[in-house]
Amino acid sequence: MKAVIQRVTGACVKVDGAVVGECGAGLMILLGVAKGDTEEDARLLANKIINLRIFCDENDKMNLSVKTIDGEALVISQFTLMANYRHGNRPDFLESAPPEEANRLYEYFASLIAAEIKHVGKGVFGAHMEVSLVNDGPVTIVMDSEVLKKKQK
């Protein structure tokens, strides 16, 4: 499971021109689910993300989490994070989880985030979405649950 986390002052996602999810100051999270990912992957990523200290304290040091600042989040499923670009110029997505399983884990991940912070907007799984955001910093971090699992060993 991979996530791209961006610190934002605000973000929104539209489907067919209508806003379906949004957040204020906090995190915009793109989530990709790979074949073989489990609820453990979702828990590891969600826990790391909600406790990630990337918001500035009174001394302008990144020392606060989205929970600490009472921030919000927007979570969007993005299977293209699983792109295999090693061969040729056209990526394949063969390592992406099947849609039903990917959606189940995406919803589970979003529920874990929502259990910890006040507002979580979501995209629409499988839809063509238009995402707008204002990246604050910019601060962008890429996480992989496989890396977190190796750290536990």
C-alpha atoms as a PDB file:
ATOM      1  CA  MET A   1       0.000   0.000   0.000  1.00  0.00           C
ATOM      2  CA  LYS A   2       1.396   3.352  -0.986  1.00  0.00           C
ATOM      3  CA  ALA A   3       0.360   6.829   0.049  1.00  0.00           C
ATOM      4  CA  VAL A   4       1.306  10.281  -1.129  1.00  0.00           C
ATOM      5  CA  ILE A   5       0.697  12.731   1.711  1.00  0.00           C
ATOM      6  CA  GLN A   6       0.566  16.457   1.097  1.00  0.00           C
ATOM      7  CA  ARG A   7       0.267  19.145   3.762  1.00  0.00           C
ATOM      8  CA  VAL A   8      -2.442  21.467   2.470  1.00  0.00           C
ATOM      9  CA  THR A   9      -4.272  24.631   3.385  1.00  0.00           C
ATOM     10  CA  GLY A  10      -7.253  23.117   1.581  1.00  0.00           C
ATOM     11  CA  ALA A  11      -8.192  20.542  -1.051  1.00  0.00           C
ATOM     12  CA  CYS A  12     -11.226  19.318  -2.933  1.00  0.00           C
ATOM     13  CA  VAL A  13     -12.159  16.596  -5.382  1.00  0.00           C
ATOM     14  CA  LYS A  14     -14.839  16.824  -8.064  1.00  0.00           C
ATOM     15  CA  VAL A  15     -16.655  14.172 -10.077  1.00  0.00           C
ATOM     16  CA  ASP A  16     -18.631  15.370 -13.109  1.00  0.00           C
ATOM     17  CA  GLY A  17     -18.084  18.972 -11.980  1.00  0.00           C
ATOM     18  CA  ALA A  18     -19.576  18.465  -8.500  1.00  0.00           C
ATOM     19  CA  VAL A  19     -17.522  18.561  -5.302  1.00  0.00           C
ATOM     20  CA  VAL A  20     -17.715  15.124  -3.670  1.00  0.00           C
ATOM     21  CA  GLY A  21     -15.053  15.584  -0.995  1.00  0.00           C
ATOM     22  CA  GLU A  22     -13.014  18.352   0.526  1.00  0.00           C
ATOM     23  CA  CYS A  23     -10.915  19.378   3.493  1.00  0.00           C
ATOM     24  CA  GLY A  24      -9.561  22.486   5.087  1.00  0.00           C
ATOM     25  CA  ALA A  25      -6.062  22.769   6.537  1.00  0.00           C
ATOM     26  CA  GLY A  26      -4.569  19.341   7.018  1.00  0.00           C
ATOM     27  CA  LEU A  27      -3.639  16.453   4.739  1.00  0.00           C
ATOM     28  CA  MET A  28      -4.513  15.378   1.223  1.00  0.00           C
ATOM     29  CA  ILE A  29      -3.776  11.655   0.933  1.00  0.00           C
ATOM     30  CA  LEU A  30      -3.599   9.685  -2.317  1.00  0.00           C
ATOM     31  CA  LEU A  31      -3.812   5.951  -1.584  1.00  0.00           C
ATOM     32  CA  GLY A  32      -2.807   3.081  -3.840  1.00  0.00           C
ATOM     33  CA  VAL A  33      -3.608  -0.520  -2.926  1.00  0.00           C
ATOM     34  CA  ALA A  34      -1.430  -3.357  -4.236  1.00  0.00           C
ATOM     35  CA  LYS A  35      -2.183  -7.042  -4.676  1.00  0.00           C
ATOM     36  CA  GLY A  36      -1.647  -8.767  -1.352  1.00  0.00           C
ATOM     37  CA  ASP A  37      -2.209  -5.680   0.801  1.00  0.00           C
ATOM     38  CA  THR A  38      -4.142  -6.301   4.002  1.00  0.00           C
ATOM     39  CA  GLU A  39      -5.837  -4.454   6.822  1.00  0.00           C
ATOM     40  CA  GLU A  40      -2.457  -4.479   8.592  1.00  0.00           C
ATOM     41  CA  ASP A  41      -1.027  -2.368   5.754  1.00  0.00           C
ATOM     42  CA  ALA A  42      -3.900   0.079   6.128  1.00  0.00           C
ATOM     43  CA  ARG A  43      -3.445   0.276   9.920  1.00  0.00           C
ATOM     44  CA  LEU A  44       0.313   0.823   9.659  1.00  0.00           C
ATOM     45  CA  LEU A  45      -0.059   3.629   7.118  1.00  0.00           C
ATOM     46  CA  ALA A  46      -3.011   5.296   8.845  1.00  0.00           C
ATOM     47  CA  ASN A  47      -1.270   5.287  12.217  1.00  0.00           C
ATOM     48  CA  LYS A  48       1.947   6.698  10.780  1.00  0.00           C
ATOM     49  CA  ILE A  49       0.098   9.379   8.805  1.00  0.00           C
ATOM     50  CA  ILE A  50      -2.120  10.660  11.619  1.00  0.00           C
ATOM     51  CA  ASN A  51       0.906  10.936  13.912  1.00  0.00           C
ATOM     52  CA  LEU A  52       3.277  12.352  11.281  1.00  0.00           C
ATOM     53  CA  ARG A  53       4.719  15.589  12.652  1.00  0.00           C
ATOM     54  CA  ILE A  54       4.770  17.834   9.572  1.00  0.00           C
ATOM     55  CA  PHE A  55       2.907  20.883  10.889  1.00  0.00           C
ATOM     56  CA  CYS A  56       4.794  23.807  12.392  1.00  0.00           C
ATOM     57  CA  ASP A  57       4.821  24.626  16.081  1.00  0.00           C
ATOM     58  CA  GLU A  58       5.206  28.076  17.655  1.00  0.00           C
ATOM     59  CA  ASN A  59       8.937  27.990  16.804  1.00  0.00           C
ATOM     60  CA  ASP A  60       8.224  27.274  13.113  1.00  0.00           C
ATOM     61  CA  LYS A  61       9.555  23.703  13.461  1.00  0.00           C
ATOM     62  CA  MET A  62       7.708  20.753  11.962  1.00  0.00           C
ATOM     63  CA  ASN A  63       6.713  19.210  15.267  1.00  0.00           C
ATOM     64  CA  LEU A  64       2.904  18.808  15.207  1.00  0.00           C
ATOM     65  CA  SER A  65       0.626  16.152  13.724  1.00  0.00           C
ATOM     66  CA  VAL A  66      -2.704  16.611  11.950  1.00  0.00           C
ATOM     67  CA  LYS A  67      -4.343  15.396  15.173  1.00  0.00           C
ATOM     68  CA  THR A  68      -2.487  17.968  17.264  1.00  0.00           C
ATOM     69  CA  ILE A  69      -3.548  20.883  15.056  1.00  0.00           C
ATOM     70  CA  ASP A  70      -7.139  19.600  14.881  1.00  0.00           C
ATOM     71  CA  GLY A  71      -6.709  19.359  11.102  1.00  0.00           C
ATOM     72  CA  GLU A  72      -8.750  17.701   8.388  1.00  0.00           C
ATOM     73  CA  ALA A  73      -8.017  15.225   5.602  1.00  0.00           C
ATOM     74  CA  LEU A  74      -9.061  14.330   2.076  1.00  0.00           C
ATOM     75  CA  VAL A  75      -8.442  10.682   1.077  1.00  0.00           C
ATOM     76  CA  ILE A  76      -8.486   9.726  -2.591  1.00  0.00           C
ATOM     77  CA  SER A  77      -7.959   6.279  -4.098  1.00  0.00           C
ATOM     78  CA  GLN A  78      -5.308   6.305  -6.822  1.00  0.00           C
ATOM     79  CA  PHE A  79      -4.413   2.980  -8.399  1.00  0.00           C
ATOM     80  CA  THR A  80      -1.785   4.651 -10.608  1.00  0.00           C
ATOM     81  CA  LEU A  81       0.532   4.748  -7.586  1.00  0.00           C
ATOM     82  CA  MET A  82       1.061   1.050  -8.341  1.00  0.00           C
ATOM     83  CA  ALA A  83       2.414   1.802 -11.825  1.00  0.00           C
ATOM     84  CA  ASN A  84       5.153  -0.431 -13.179  1.00  0.00           C
ATOM     85  CA  TYR A  85       7.263   1.849 -15.376  1.00  0.00           C
ATOM     86  CA  ARG A  86      10.386  -0.323 -15.655  1.00  0.00           C
ATOM     87  CA  HIS A  87       9.765  -1.552 -19.204  1.00  0.00           C
ATOM     88  CA  GLY A  88       8.996   0.770 -22.089  1.00  0.00           C
ATOM     89  CA  ASN A  89       7.107   4.024 -21.803  1.00  0.00           C
ATOM     90  CA  ARG A  90       3.599   2.791 -21.149  1.00  0.00           C
ATOM     91  CA  PRO A  91       3.121   1.858 -17.492  1.00  0.00           C
ATOM     92  CA  ASP A  92       1.176  -1.206 -16.491  1.00  0.00           C
ATOM     93  CA  PHE A  93      -0.913  -1.528 -13.363  1.00  0.00           C
ATOM     94  CA  LEU A  94      -0.774  -5.298 -12.934  1.00  0.00           C
ATOM     95  CA  GLU A  95       0.337  -4.972  -9.295  1.00  0.00           C
ATOM     96  CA  SER A  96      -2.807  -3.027  -8.333  1.00  0.00           C
ATOM     97  CA  ALA A  97      -5.277  -4.898  -6.157  1.00  0.00           C
ATOM     98  CA  PRO A  98      -8.496  -6.031  -7.844  1.00  0.00           C
ATOM     99  CA  PRO A  99     -11.109  -3.235  -7.653  1.00  0.00           C
ATOM    100  CA  GLU A 100     -13.369  -4.870  -5.052  1.00  0.00           C
ATOM    101  CA  GLU A 101     -10.468  -5.539  -2.656  1.00  0.00           C
ATOM    102  CA  ALA A 102      -8.859  -2.152  -3.331  1.00  0.00           C
ATOM    103  CA  ASN A 103     -12.122  -0.348  -2.563  1.00  0.00           C
ATOM    104  CA  ARG A 104     -12.625  -2.344   0.635  1.00  0.00           C
ATOM    105  CA  LEU A 105      -9.136  -1.452   1.891  1.00  0.00           C
ATOM    106  CA  TYR A 106      -9.475   2.172   0.754  1.00  0.00           C
ATOM    107  CA  GLU A 107     -12.717   2.507   2.736  1.00  0.00           C
ATOM    108  CA  TYR A 108     -11.122   0.802   5.741  1.00  0.00           C
ATOM    109  CA  PHE A 109      -8.116   3.128   5.578  1.00  0.00           C
ATOM    110  CA  ALA A 110     -10.372   6.200   5.355  1.00  0.00           C
ATOM    111  CA  SER A 111     -12.376   4.956   8.365  1.00  0.00           C
ATOM    112  CA  LEU A 112      -9.165   4.645  10.398  1.00  0.00           C
ATOM    113  CA  ILE A 113      -8.232   8.232   9.558  1.00  0.00           C
ATOM    114  CA  ALA A 114     -11.782   9.417  10.329  1.00  0.00           C
ATOM    115  CA  ALA A 115     -11.655   7.762  13.753  1.00  0.00           C
ATOM    116  CA  GLU A 116      -8.754  10.036  14.708  1.00  0.00           C
ATOM    117  CA  ILE A 117      -9.444  13.430  13.148  1.00  0.00           C
ATOM    118  CA  LYS A 118     -12.503  15.663  12.952  1.00  0.00           C
ATOM    119  CA  HIS A 119     -13.279  15.722   9.213  1.00  0.00           C
ATOM    120  CA  VAL A 120     -12.325  13.358   6.411  1.00  0.00           C
ATOM    121  CA  GLY A 121     -13.504  13.966   2.861  1.00  0.00           C
ATOM    122  CA  LYS A 122     -13.209  11.227   0.249  1.00  0.00           C
ATOM    123  CA  GLY A 123     -13.095  10.814  -3.471  1.00  0.00           C
ATOM    124  CA  VAL A 124     -15.257   8.340  -5.403  1.00  0.00           C
ATOM    125  CA  PHE A 125     -13.531   5.012  -5.940  1.00  0.00           C
ATOM    126  CA  GLY A 126     -13.030   4.244  -9.629  1.00  0.00           C
ATOM    127  CA  ALA A 127     -14.366   7.586 -10.861  1.00  0.00           C
ATOM    128  CA  HIS A 128     -12.560  10.093 -13.042  1.00  0.00           C
ATOM    129  CA  MET A 129     -11.793  12.831 -10.511  1.00  0.00           C
ATOM    130  CA  GLU A 130     -10.481  16.367 -10.649  1.00  0.00           C
ATOM    131  CA  VAL A 131      -8.363  17.178  -7.606  1.00  0.00           C
ATOM    132  CA  SER A 132      -7.504  20.711  -6.520  1.00  0.00           C
ATOM    133  CA  LEU A 133      -5.268  21.547  -3.624  1.00  0.00           C
ATOM    134  CA  VAL A 134      -3.023  24.192  -2.172  1.00  0.00           C
ATOM    135  CA  ASN A 135       0.144  22.451  -1.005  1.00  0.00           C
ATOM    136  CA  ASP A 136       1.445  24.176   2.114  1.00  0.00           C
ATOM    137  CA  GLY A 137       5.235  24.403   2.141  1.00  0.00           C
ATOM    138  CA  PRO A 138       5.285  22.508  -0.160  1.00  0.00           C
ATOM    139  CA  VAL A 139       5.395  19.389   1.991  1.00  0.00           C
ATOM    140  CA  THR A 140       4.898  16.076   0.186  1.00  0.00           C
ATOM    141  CA  ILE A 141       5.840  12.674   1.586  1.00  0.00           C
ATOM    142  CA  VAL A 142       5.574   9.251  -0.053  1.00  0.00           C
ATOM    143  CA  MET A 143       4.995   6.230   2.188  1.00  0.00           C
ATOM    144  CA  ASP A 144       4.930   2.503   1.519  1.00  0.00           C
ATOM    145  CA  SER A 145       3.510   0.014   4.017  1.00  0.00           C
ATOM    146  CA  GLU A 146       6.229  -2.466   2.998  1.00  0.00           C
ATOM    147  CA  VAL A 147       8.857  -0.101   4.416  1.00  0.00           C
ATOM    148  CA  LEU A 148       6.894   0.200   7.674  1.00  0.00           C
ATOM    149  CA  LYS A 149       6.570  -3.585   7.938  1.00  0.00           C
ATOM    150  CA  LYS A 150      10.351  -4.007   7.536  1.00  0.00           C
ATOM    151  CA  LYS A 151      10.895  -1.484  10.345  1.00  0.00           C
ATOM    152  CA  GLN A 152       8.800  -3.631  12.706  1.00  0.00           C
ATOM    153  CA  LYS A 153      11.042  -6.680  12.235  1.00  0.00           C
END
